[in-house]
Amino acid sequence: MKSEEILKQLRCSMVQTGSLACLGCGYEHNCSVHGCRIMREAADLIEKLTGRCARYAEEIAVLQERQKWVPVTERLPEPETDVLAVCNRNGCIFVVQAIYEDGKMLTEDSAWNWNDICEYGLYDEENDDYYIPEGWWEDRQFTPDDVYNNPIDCAVTHWMPLPDGLEVEKNDKAD
């Protein structure tokens, strides 16, 4: 039975007349005349709780959608947005932090530093700049030789946004 049906039955039983004992308080009286407090409070509480549940359900749905793996065949992330990407290298599946480039952005418009772009980018004489090639790029944070933006050389099948950042208190010290 849905909450709307339960509420309807509760409110209906409060206005019916008869000599049967009240479902709310157990005494024989006409709830519509005496206004059984228990029945009224029960109905009010159910309305309040179902409203909260609906709000929580919406929040949960948003969070679930945010943490859902998106197939690249369905849609791609916005260019230069950090995401988690699922890679498939000859049947070996792994996850990497990456960005996607759509091939339409010049290096001067990019938030990233593109090393050796002249070796693989498409040169645009009008802008005297290179287009960043379309594809997935690994964002290496800590490498001994400070190499950034390495092309992902295998199939990316799915992606998802990065989770929200960790909230660190001001008193916490980095190790």
N, C-alpha and C. Protein backbone atom coordinates (compact mmCIF):
# COMPACT_ATOMS: atom_id res chain seq x y z
N MET A 1 0.85 -1.17 0.00
CA MET A 1 0.00 0.00 0.00
C MET A 1 0.90 1.24 0.00
N LYS A 2 0.60 2.19 -0.86
CA LYS A 2 1.38 3.41 -0.95
C LYS A 2 1.00 4.36 0.17
N SER A 3 1.94 5.28 0.47
CA SER A 3 1.70 6.22 1.58
C SER A 3 0.45 7.07 1.34
N GLU A 4 0.17 7.41 0.07
CA GLU A 4 -1.03 8.21 -0.22
C GLU A 4 -2.30 7.43 0.15
N GLU A 5 -2.31 6.11 -0.12
CA GLU A 5 -3.46 5.28 0.20
C GLU A 5 -3.63 5.14 1.72
N ILE A 6 -2.52 5.00 2.43
CA ILE A 6 -2.57 4.90 3.90
C ILE A 6 -3.13 6.19 4.48
N LEU A 7 -2.66 7.31 4.00
CA LEU A 7 -3.16 8.61 4.49
C LEU A 7 -4.65 8.76 4.23
N LYS A 8 -5.09 8.37 3.05
CA LYS A 8 -6.51 8.47 2.70
C LYS A 8 -7.35 7.63 3.67
N GLN A 9 -6.90 6.40 3.93
CA GLN A 9 -7.63 5.52 4.86
C GLN A 9 -7.64 6.09 6.28
N LEU A 10 -6.52 6.62 6.73
CA LEU A 10 -6.47 7.20 8.08
C LEU A 10 -7.43 8.37 8.21
N ARG A 11 -7.36 9.28 7.25
CA ARG A 11 -8.22 10.47 7.33
C ARG A 11 -9.69 10.08 7.16
N CYS A 12 -9.96 9.08 6.33
CA CYS A 12 -11.32 8.61 6.13
C CYS A 12 -11.88 7.99 7.41
N SER A 13 -11.04 7.21 8.13
CA SER A 13 -11.53 6.56 9.35
C SER A 13 -11.81 7.57 10.44
N MET A 14 -11.21 8.78 10.34
CA MET A 14 -11.45 9.79 11.36
C MET A 14 -12.82 10.44 11.19
N VAL A 15 -13.41 10.38 9.99
CA VAL A 15 -14.69 11.07 9.77
C VAL A 15 -15.87 10.11 9.72
N GLN A 16 -15.60 8.80 9.73
CA GLN A 16 -16.71 7.85 9.71
C GLN A 16 -17.39 7.80 11.08
N THR A 17 -18.69 7.60 11.08
CA THR A 17 -19.44 7.50 12.33
C THR A 17 -19.73 6.04 12.63
N GLY A 18 -20.13 5.77 13.86
CA GLY A 18 -20.46 4.41 14.24
C GLY A 18 -20.06 4.16 15.68
N SER A 19 -20.37 2.96 16.17
CA SER A 19 -20.10 2.66 17.56
C SER A 19 -18.87 1.78 17.72
N LEU A 20 -18.13 1.55 16.63
CA LEU A 20 -16.91 0.75 16.76
C LEU A 20 -15.84 1.56 17.49
N ALA A 21 -14.94 0.85 18.13
CA ALA A 21 -13.85 1.53 18.83
C ALA A 21 -12.97 2.25 17.81
N CYS A 22 -12.52 3.42 18.19
CA CYS A 22 -11.65 4.23 17.33
C CYS A 22 -10.34 3.49 17.12
N LEU A 23 -9.87 3.48 15.86
CA LEU A 23 -8.61 2.82 15.55
C LEU A 23 -7.44 3.52 16.21
N GLY A 24 -7.56 4.82 16.47
CA GLY A 24 -6.46 5.59 17.03
C GLY A 24 -6.36 5.49 18.54
N CYS A 25 -7.47 5.64 19.24
CA CYS A 25 -7.38 5.69 20.70
C CYS A 25 -8.04 4.51 21.38
N GLY A 26 -8.90 3.76 20.69
CA GLY A 26 -9.53 2.58 21.28
C GLY A 26 -10.87 2.85 21.95
N TYR A 27 -11.26 4.10 22.09
CA TYR A 27 -12.53 4.43 22.72
C TYR A 27 -13.63 4.53 21.67
N GLU A 28 -14.88 4.23 22.13
CA GLU A 28 -16.02 4.36 21.22
C GLU A 28 -16.45 5.81 21.17
N HIS A 29 -16.24 6.45 20.07
CA HIS A 29 -16.71 7.82 19.84
C HIS A 29 -16.60 8.13 18.36
N ASN A 30 -17.13 9.23 17.96
CA ASN A 30 -17.06 9.67 16.57
C ASN A 30 -15.83 10.57 16.43
N CYS A 31 -14.81 10.08 15.74
CA CYS A 31 -13.56 10.82 15.62
C CYS A 31 -13.75 12.17 14.94
N SER A 32 -14.76 12.27 14.06
CA SER A 32 -14.96 13.54 13.38
C SER A 32 -15.46 14.59 14.36
N VAL A 33 -16.14 14.16 15.40
CA VAL A 33 -16.64 15.10 16.41
C VAL A 33 -15.56 15.38 17.44
N HIS A 34 -14.94 14.34 17.95
CA HIS A 34 -13.95 14.48 19.02
C HIS A 34 -12.55 14.75 18.47
N GLY A 35 -12.33 14.51 17.19
CA GLY A 35 -11.02 14.78 16.57
C GLY A 35 -9.90 14.00 17.24
N CYS A 36 -9.91 12.71 17.07
CA CYS A 36 -8.93 11.84 17.72
C CYS A 36 -7.52 12.33 17.42
N ARG A 37 -6.84 12.77 18.44
CA ARG A 37 -5.50 13.34 18.34
C ARG A 37 -4.51 12.33 17.77
N ILE A 38 -4.58 11.09 18.17
CA ILE A 38 -3.63 10.07 17.74
C ILE A 38 -3.74 9.83 16.23
N MET A 39 -4.97 9.71 15.73
CA MET A 39 -5.15 9.49 14.30
C MET A 39 -4.65 10.69 13.50
N ARG A 40 -4.98 11.88 13.97
CA ARG A 40 -4.58 13.10 13.28
C ARG A 40 -3.04 13.22 13.27
N GLU A 41 -2.41 12.95 14.41
CA GLU A 41 -0.95 13.03 14.51
C GLU A 41 -0.28 11.95 13.66
N ALA A 42 -0.89 10.77 13.62
CA ALA A 42 -0.32 9.70 12.79
C ALA A 42 -0.35 10.10 11.32
N ALA A 43 -1.47 10.64 10.88
CA ALA A 43 -1.59 11.06 9.49
C ALA A 43 -0.61 12.20 9.19
N ASP A 44 -0.49 13.16 10.11
CA ASP A 44 0.44 14.28 9.92
C ASP A 44 1.89 13.78 9.86
N LEU A 45 2.22 12.82 10.73
CA LEU A 45 3.57 12.28 10.75
C LEU A 45 3.90 11.54 9.45
N ILE A 46 2.94 10.77 8.95
CA ILE A 46 3.16 10.06 7.69
C ILE A 46 3.38 11.05 6.55
N GLU A 47 2.59 12.12 6.51
CA GLU A 47 2.79 13.13 5.47
C GLU A 47 4.17 13.76 5.58
N LYS A 48 4.59 14.07 6.80
CA LYS A 48 5.90 14.69 7.01
C LYS A 48 7.02 13.75 6.59
N LEU A 49 6.94 12.49 7.00
CA LEU A 49 7.98 11.52 6.69
C LEU A 49 8.05 11.20 5.21
N THR A 50 6.90 11.08 4.55
CA THR A 50 6.93 10.78 3.12
C THR A 50 7.50 11.96 2.34
N GLY A 51 7.28 13.18 2.81
CA GLY A 51 7.89 14.35 2.18
C GLY A 51 9.40 14.31 2.32
N ARG A 52 9.89 13.95 3.50
CA ARG A 52 11.33 13.84 3.72
C ARG A 52 11.91 12.72 2.86
N CYS A 53 11.21 11.60 2.82
CA CYS A 53 11.69 10.46 2.02
C CYS A 53 11.82 10.85 0.56
N ALA A 54 10.86 11.61 0.06
CA ALA A 54 10.91 12.02 -1.34
C ALA A 54 12.14 12.90 -1.59
N ARG A 55 12.42 13.82 -0.64
CA ARG A 55 13.60 14.68 -0.79
C ARG A 55 14.87 13.85 -0.74
N TYR A 56 14.93 12.91 0.22
CA TYR A 56 16.11 12.05 0.33
C TYR A 56 16.28 11.19 -0.92
N ALA A 57 15.17 10.70 -1.45
CA ALA A 57 15.23 9.87 -2.65
C ALA A 57 15.80 10.67 -3.82
N GLU A 58 15.40 11.95 -3.93
CA GLU A 58 15.93 12.80 -4.99
C GLU A 58 17.44 13.01 -4.80
N GLU A 59 17.87 13.27 -3.56
CA GLU A 59 19.29 13.47 -3.29
C GLU A 59 20.09 12.20 -3.59
N ILE A 60 19.54 11.06 -3.20
CA ILE A 60 20.21 9.78 -3.45
C ILE A 60 20.32 9.54 -4.95
N ALA A 61 19.26 9.85 -5.69
CA ALA A 61 19.28 9.65 -7.14
C ALA A 61 20.36 10.52 -7.79
N VAL A 62 20.48 11.77 -7.33
CA VAL A 62 21.51 12.66 -7.87
C VAL A 62 22.90 12.10 -7.57
N LEU A 63 23.12 11.64 -6.33
CA LEU A 63 24.42 11.07 -5.97
C LEU A 63 24.72 9.80 -6.74
N GLN A 64 23.71 8.96 -6.92
CA GLN A 64 23.92 7.73 -7.68
C GLN A 64 24.25 8.03 -9.13
N GLU A 65 23.59 9.03 -9.70
CA GLU A 65 23.87 9.40 -11.08
C GLU A 65 25.29 9.94 -11.21
N ARG A 66 25.71 10.71 -10.21
CA ARG A 66 27.06 11.27 -10.23
C ARG A 66 28.13 10.20 -10.13
N GLN A 67 27.84 9.10 -9.43
CA GLN A 67 28.82 8.04 -9.24
C GLN A 67 28.62 6.88 -10.21
N LYS A 68 27.93 7.14 -11.29
CA LYS A 68 27.65 6.10 -12.29
C LYS A 68 28.71 6.16 -13.40
N TRP A 69 29.19 4.99 -13.82
CA TRP A 69 30.12 4.92 -14.94
C TRP A 69 29.34 5.22 -16.22
N VAL A 70 29.84 6.15 -17.01
CA VAL A 70 29.20 6.55 -18.25
C VAL A 70 29.95 5.91 -19.42
N PRO A 71 29.26 5.14 -20.26
CA PRO A 71 29.94 4.58 -21.44
C PRO A 71 30.34 5.70 -22.39
N VAL A 72 31.52 5.60 -22.99
CA VAL A 72 31.97 6.63 -23.93
C VAL A 72 31.10 6.64 -25.19
N THR A 73 30.40 5.55 -25.44
CA THR A 73 29.49 5.51 -26.58
C THR A 73 28.22 6.32 -26.31
N GLU A 74 27.93 6.55 -25.03
CA GLU A 74 26.75 7.32 -24.63
C GLU A 74 27.05 8.82 -24.69
N ARG A 75 28.15 9.23 -24.05
CA ARG A 75 28.59 10.63 -24.09
C ARG A 75 30.00 10.73 -23.55
N LEU A 76 30.65 11.84 -23.88
CA LEU A 76 32.01 12.10 -23.43
C LEU A 76 32.02 13.25 -22.45
N PRO A 77 33.02 13.32 -21.58
CA PRO A 77 33.07 14.46 -20.65
C PRO A 77 33.45 15.74 -21.37
N GLU A 78 33.23 16.85 -20.72
CA GLU A 78 33.67 18.13 -21.26
C GLU A 78 35.19 18.10 -21.40
N PRO A 79 35.74 18.72 -22.44
CA PRO A 79 37.20 18.73 -22.59
C PRO A 79 37.91 19.31 -21.36
N GLU A 80 39.02 18.71 -21.03
CA GLU A 80 39.90 19.12 -19.94
C GLU A 80 39.24 19.06 -18.56
N THR A 81 38.26 18.18 -18.42
CA THR A 81 37.64 17.94 -17.12
C THR A 81 38.26 16.68 -16.54
N ASP A 82 38.82 16.78 -15.34
CA ASP A 82 39.40 15.60 -14.70
C ASP A 82 38.31 14.58 -14.41
N VAL A 83 38.53 13.35 -14.85
CA VAL A 83 37.58 12.26 -14.62
C VAL A 83 38.36 10.99 -14.29
N LEU A 84 37.65 9.97 -13.86
CA LEU A 84 38.21 8.63 -13.78
C LEU A 84 37.82 7.92 -15.06
N ALA A 85 38.77 7.27 -15.70
CA ALA A 85 38.52 6.58 -16.96
C ALA A 85 38.84 5.10 -16.81
N VAL A 86 37.97 4.26 -17.38
CA VAL A 86 38.20 2.81 -17.40
C VAL A 86 38.89 2.47 -18.71
N CYS A 87 40.06 1.85 -18.60
CA CYS A 87 40.84 1.49 -19.78
C CYS A 87 40.86 -0.02 -19.95
N ASN A 88 40.91 -0.44 -21.21
CA ASN A 88 40.98 -1.87 -21.53
C ASN A 88 42.19 -2.09 -22.44
N ARG A 89 43.24 -2.65 -21.85
CA ARG A 89 44.43 -2.96 -22.64
C ARG A 89 44.52 -4.47 -22.79
N ASN A 90 44.08 -4.97 -23.93
CA ASN A 90 44.11 -6.41 -24.24
C ASN A 90 43.46 -7.25 -23.14
N GLY A 91 42.31 -6.79 -22.67
CA GLY A 91 41.57 -7.53 -21.65
C GLY A 91 41.94 -7.19 -20.23
N CYS A 92 43.00 -6.43 -20.02
CA CYS A 92 43.38 -5.98 -18.69
C CYS A 92 42.66 -4.65 -18.43
N ILE A 93 41.78 -4.64 -17.44
CA ILE A 93 40.96 -3.47 -17.14
C ILE A 93 41.60 -2.71 -15.97
N PHE A 94 41.73 -1.39 -16.12
CA PHE A 94 42.24 -0.57 -15.02
C PHE A 94 41.61 0.81 -15.10
N VAL A 95 41.73 1.55 -14.00
CA VAL A 95 41.15 2.89 -13.90
C VAL A 95 42.29 3.89 -13.75
N VAL A 96 42.16 5.01 -14.43
CA VAL A 96 43.18 6.05 -14.39
C VAL A 96 42.50 7.42 -14.35
N GLN A 97 43.14 8.38 -13.69
CA GLN A 97 42.65 9.75 -13.75
C GLN A 97 43.07 10.32 -15.10
N ALA A 98 42.13 10.94 -15.80
CA ALA A 98 42.42 11.39 -17.16
C ALA A 98 41.59 12.61 -17.52
N ILE A 99 41.93 13.20 -18.65
CA ILE A 99 41.14 14.24 -19.27
C ILE A 99 40.87 13.82 -20.71
N TYR A 100 39.81 14.36 -21.28
CA TYR A 100 39.48 14.10 -22.67
C TYR A 100 39.66 15.40 -23.44
N GLU A 101 40.24 15.31 -24.62
CA GLU A 101 40.37 16.46 -25.52
C GLU A 101 39.57 16.15 -26.78
N ASP A 102 38.82 17.15 -27.26
CA ASP A 102 37.97 16.93 -28.44
C ASP A 102 38.63 17.30 -29.76
N GLY A 103 39.89 17.76 -29.73
CA GLY A 103 40.60 18.11 -30.96
C GLY A 103 40.29 19.50 -31.48
N LYS A 104 39.54 20.30 -30.74
CA LYS A 104 39.13 21.62 -31.20
C LYS A 104 39.76 22.76 -30.41
N MET A 105 40.65 22.42 -29.46
CA MET A 105 41.21 23.44 -28.59
C MET A 105 42.68 23.70 -28.94
N LEU A 106 43.02 24.99 -29.01
CA LEU A 106 44.40 25.40 -29.20
C LEU A 106 45.14 25.35 -27.87
N THR A 107 46.44 25.16 -27.92
CA THR A 107 47.21 25.07 -26.67
C THR A 107 47.12 26.35 -25.86
N GLU A 108 47.02 27.50 -26.52
CA GLU A 108 46.94 28.76 -25.77
C GLU A 108 45.63 28.87 -24.97
N ASP A 109 44.60 28.13 -25.35
CA ASP A 109 43.33 28.15 -24.63
C ASP A 109 43.25 27.05 -23.58
N SER A 110 44.25 26.21 -23.53
CA SER A 110 44.23 25.06 -22.63
C SER A 110 44.73 25.44 -21.24
N ALA A 111 44.20 24.75 -20.25
CA ALA A 111 44.66 24.93 -18.88
C ALA A 111 45.91 24.11 -18.61
N TRP A 112 46.30 23.27 -19.57
CA TRP A 112 47.42 22.36 -19.39
C TRP A 112 48.65 22.82 -20.16
N ASN A 113 49.80 22.37 -19.72
CA ASN A 113 51.06 22.63 -20.41
C ASN A 113 51.34 21.46 -21.33
N TRP A 114 51.34 21.70 -22.63
CA TRP A 114 51.50 20.62 -23.61
C TRP A 114 52.94 20.62 -24.13
N ASN A 115 53.72 19.66 -23.65
CA ASN A 115 55.11 19.53 -24.07
C ASN A 115 55.19 18.85 -25.43
N ASP A 116 56.10 19.29 -26.25
CA ASP A 116 56.38 18.67 -27.55
C ASP A 116 55.14 18.56 -28.44
N ILE A 117 54.21 19.50 -28.31
CA ILE A 117 52.98 19.45 -29.11
C ILE A 117 53.29 19.57 -30.60
N CYS A 118 54.42 20.18 -30.94
CA CYS A 118 54.78 20.33 -32.35
C CYS A 118 55.02 18.98 -33.02
N GLU A 119 55.26 17.95 -32.23
CA GLU A 119 55.51 16.62 -32.79
C GLU A 119 54.22 15.86 -33.12
N TYR A 120 53.11 16.24 -32.49
CA TYR A 120 51.88 15.47 -32.71
C TYR A 120 50.63 16.32 -32.88
N GLY A 121 50.71 17.62 -32.64
CA GLY A 121 49.54 18.49 -32.78
C GLY A 121 49.38 18.99 -34.20
N LEU A 122 48.19 19.49 -34.53
CA LEU A 122 47.90 20.05 -35.85
C LEU A 122 48.14 21.56 -35.78
N TYR A 123 49.06 22.04 -36.61
CA TYR A 123 49.43 23.46 -36.59
C TYR A 123 48.38 24.31 -37.31
N ASP A 124 48.05 25.46 -36.71
CA ASP A 124 47.12 26.41 -37.30
C ASP A 124 47.89 27.71 -37.56
N GLU A 125 48.15 28.01 -38.86
CA GLU A 125 48.94 29.19 -39.22
C GLU A 125 48.27 30.48 -38.78
N GLU A 126 46.95 30.54 -38.93
CA GLU A 126 46.22 31.76 -38.59
C GLU A 126 46.42 32.16 -37.13
N ASN A 127 46.40 31.17 -36.24
CA ASN A 127 46.57 31.44 -34.81
C ASN A 127 48.01 31.24 -34.34
N ASP A 128 48.86 30.74 -35.22
CA ASP A 128 50.25 30.43 -34.88
C ASP A 128 50.31 29.59 -33.60
N ASP A 129 49.51 28.54 -33.62
CA ASP A 129 49.40 27.66 -32.46
C ASP A 129 49.00 26.26 -32.93
N TYR A 130 49.06 25.33 -32.02
CA TYR A 130 48.73 23.94 -32.33
C TYR A 130 47.40 23.54 -31.68
N TYR A 131 46.64 22.73 -32.41
CA TYR A 131 45.45 22.11 -31.84
C TYR A 131 45.89 20.87 -31.06
N ILE A 132 45.27 20.69 -29.91
CA ILE A 132 45.54 19.51 -29.11
C ILE A 132 44.77 18.36 -29.76
N PRO A 133 45.44 17.26 -30.06
CA PRO A 133 44.75 16.14 -30.73
C PRO A 133 43.61 15.57 -29.88
N GLU A 134 42.60 15.08 -30.59
CA GLU A 134 41.48 14.43 -29.91
C GLU A 134 41.98 13.15 -29.25
N GLY A 135 41.49 12.91 -28.06
CA GLY A 135 41.83 11.67 -27.38
C GLY A 135 41.83 11.82 -25.87
N TRP A 136 42.20 10.74 -25.23
CA TRP A 136 42.27 10.67 -23.77
C TRP A 136 43.71 10.85 -23.36
N TRP A 137 43.90 11.61 -22.29
CA TRP A 137 45.23 11.93 -21.80
C TRP A 137 45.30 11.65 -20.31
N GLU A 138 46.34 10.94 -19.92
CA GLU A 138 46.55 10.64 -18.51
C GLU A 138 47.15 11.86 -17.83
N ASP A 139 46.61 12.19 -16.69
CA ASP A 139 47.11 13.32 -15.92
C ASP A 139 48.00 12.77 -14.80
N ARG A 140 49.25 12.63 -15.09
CA ARG A 140 50.17 12.11 -14.07
C ARG A 140 50.50 13.23 -13.09
N GLN A 141 50.27 12.95 -11.84
CA GLN A 141 50.50 13.96 -10.81
C GLN A 141 51.95 13.98 -10.34
N PHE A 142 52.54 12.81 -10.12
CA PHE A 142 53.89 12.73 -9.57
C PHE A 142 54.71 11.75 -10.38
N THR A 143 55.57 12.26 -11.21
CA THR A 143 56.47 11.40 -11.97
C THR A 143 57.89 11.92 -11.79
N PRO A 144 58.87 11.03 -11.80
CA PRO A 144 60.23 11.47 -11.57
C PRO A 144 60.74 12.44 -12.63
N ASP A 145 60.24 12.32 -13.85
CA ASP A 145 60.74 13.20 -14.91
C ASP A 145 59.75 14.31 -15.27
N ASP A 146 58.76 14.54 -14.40
CA ASP A 146 57.79 15.62 -14.60
C ASP A 146 57.12 15.60 -15.97
N VAL A 147 56.76 14.43 -16.42
CA VAL A 147 56.06 14.30 -17.70
C VAL A 147 54.56 14.44 -17.44
N TYR A 148 53.92 15.28 -18.22
CA TYR A 148 52.48 15.51 -18.07
C TYR A 148 51.76 15.11 -19.35
N ASN A 149 50.47 14.90 -19.22
CA ASN A 149 49.59 14.71 -20.37
C ASN A 149 50.08 13.62 -21.32
N ASN A 150 50.20 12.44 -20.82
CA ASN A 150 50.60 11.30 -21.64
C ASN A 150 49.37 10.74 -22.33
N PRO A 151 49.45 10.48 -23.62
CA PRO A 151 48.28 9.92 -24.30
C PRO A 151 47.98 8.52 -23.78
N ILE A 152 46.71 8.22 -23.63
CA ILE A 152 46.29 6.88 -23.24
C ILE A 152 46.23 6.07 -24.52
N ASP A 153 47.04 5.03 -24.58
CA ASP A 153 47.22 4.29 -25.83
C ASP A 153 46.40 3.01 -25.90
N CYS A 154 45.30 2.96 -25.14
CA CYS A 154 44.40 1.81 -25.23
C CYS A 154 42.96 2.32 -25.18
N ALA A 155 42.03 1.41 -25.34
CA ALA A 155 40.62 1.80 -25.41
C ALA A 155 40.10 2.27 -24.06
N VAL A 156 39.48 3.44 -24.04
CA VAL A 156 38.75 3.93 -22.86
C VAL A 156 37.29 3.57 -23.10
N THR A 157 36.71 2.83 -22.16
CA THR A 157 35.35 2.34 -22.35
C THR A 157 34.30 3.12 -21.56
N HIS A 158 34.68 3.59 -20.37
CA HIS A 158 33.75 4.30 -19.50
C HIS A 158 34.49 5.41 -18.77
N TRP A 159 33.72 6.34 -18.20
CA TRP A 159 34.30 7.40 -17.37
C TRP A 159 33.28 7.82 -16.33
N MET A 160 33.75 8.50 -15.29
CA MET A 160 32.87 9.09 -14.28
C MET A 160 33.56 10.32 -13.70
N PRO A 161 32.77 11.29 -13.21
CA PRO A 161 33.39 12.46 -12.58
C PRO A 161 34.18 12.03 -11.34
N LEU A 162 35.18 12.84 -11.02
CA LEU A 162 35.92 12.58 -9.79
C LEU A 162 35.01 12.80 -8.60
N PRO A 163 35.21 12.07 -7.52
CA PRO A 163 34.41 12.33 -6.32
C PRO A 163 34.77 13.70 -5.76
N ASP A 164 33.88 14.22 -4.92
CA ASP A 164 34.15 15.51 -4.29
C ASP A 164 35.44 15.42 -3.48
N GLY A 165 36.13 16.53 -3.40
CA GLY A 165 37.41 16.57 -2.69
C GLY A 165 37.24 16.35 -1.20
N LEU A 166 38.29 15.93 -0.59
CA LEU A 166 38.33 15.67 0.84
C LEU A 166 38.37 17.00 1.57
N GLU A 167 37.52 17.14 2.59
CA GLU A 167 37.56 18.35 3.40
C GLU A 167 38.60 18.15 4.49
N VAL A 168 39.61 19.01 4.50
CA VAL A 168 40.69 18.91 5.47
C VAL A 168 40.57 20.08 6.43
N GLU A 169 40.62 19.77 7.74
CA GLU A 169 40.57 20.84 8.71
C GLU A 169 41.85 21.62 8.68
N LYS A 170 41.79 22.90 9.07
CA LYS A 170 42.96 23.77 9.02
C LYS A 170 44.06 23.31 9.96
N ASN A 171 43.71 22.57 11.01
CA ASN A 171 44.70 22.10 11.98
C ASN A 171 45.47 20.90 11.47
N ASP A 172 44.94 20.20 10.44
CA ASP A 172 45.62 19.02 9.92
C ASP A 172 46.87 19.43 9.18
N LYS A 173 47.93 18.69 9.39
CA LYS A 173 49.19 18.96 8.71
C LYS A 173 49.45 17.87 7.68
N ALA A 174 50.00 18.27 6.56
CA ALA A 174 50.34 17.30 5.51
C ALA A 174 51.59 16.55 5.94
N ASP A 175 51.60 15.25 5.68
CA ASP A 175 52.78 14.46 6.04
C ASP A 175 53.82 14.54 4.97
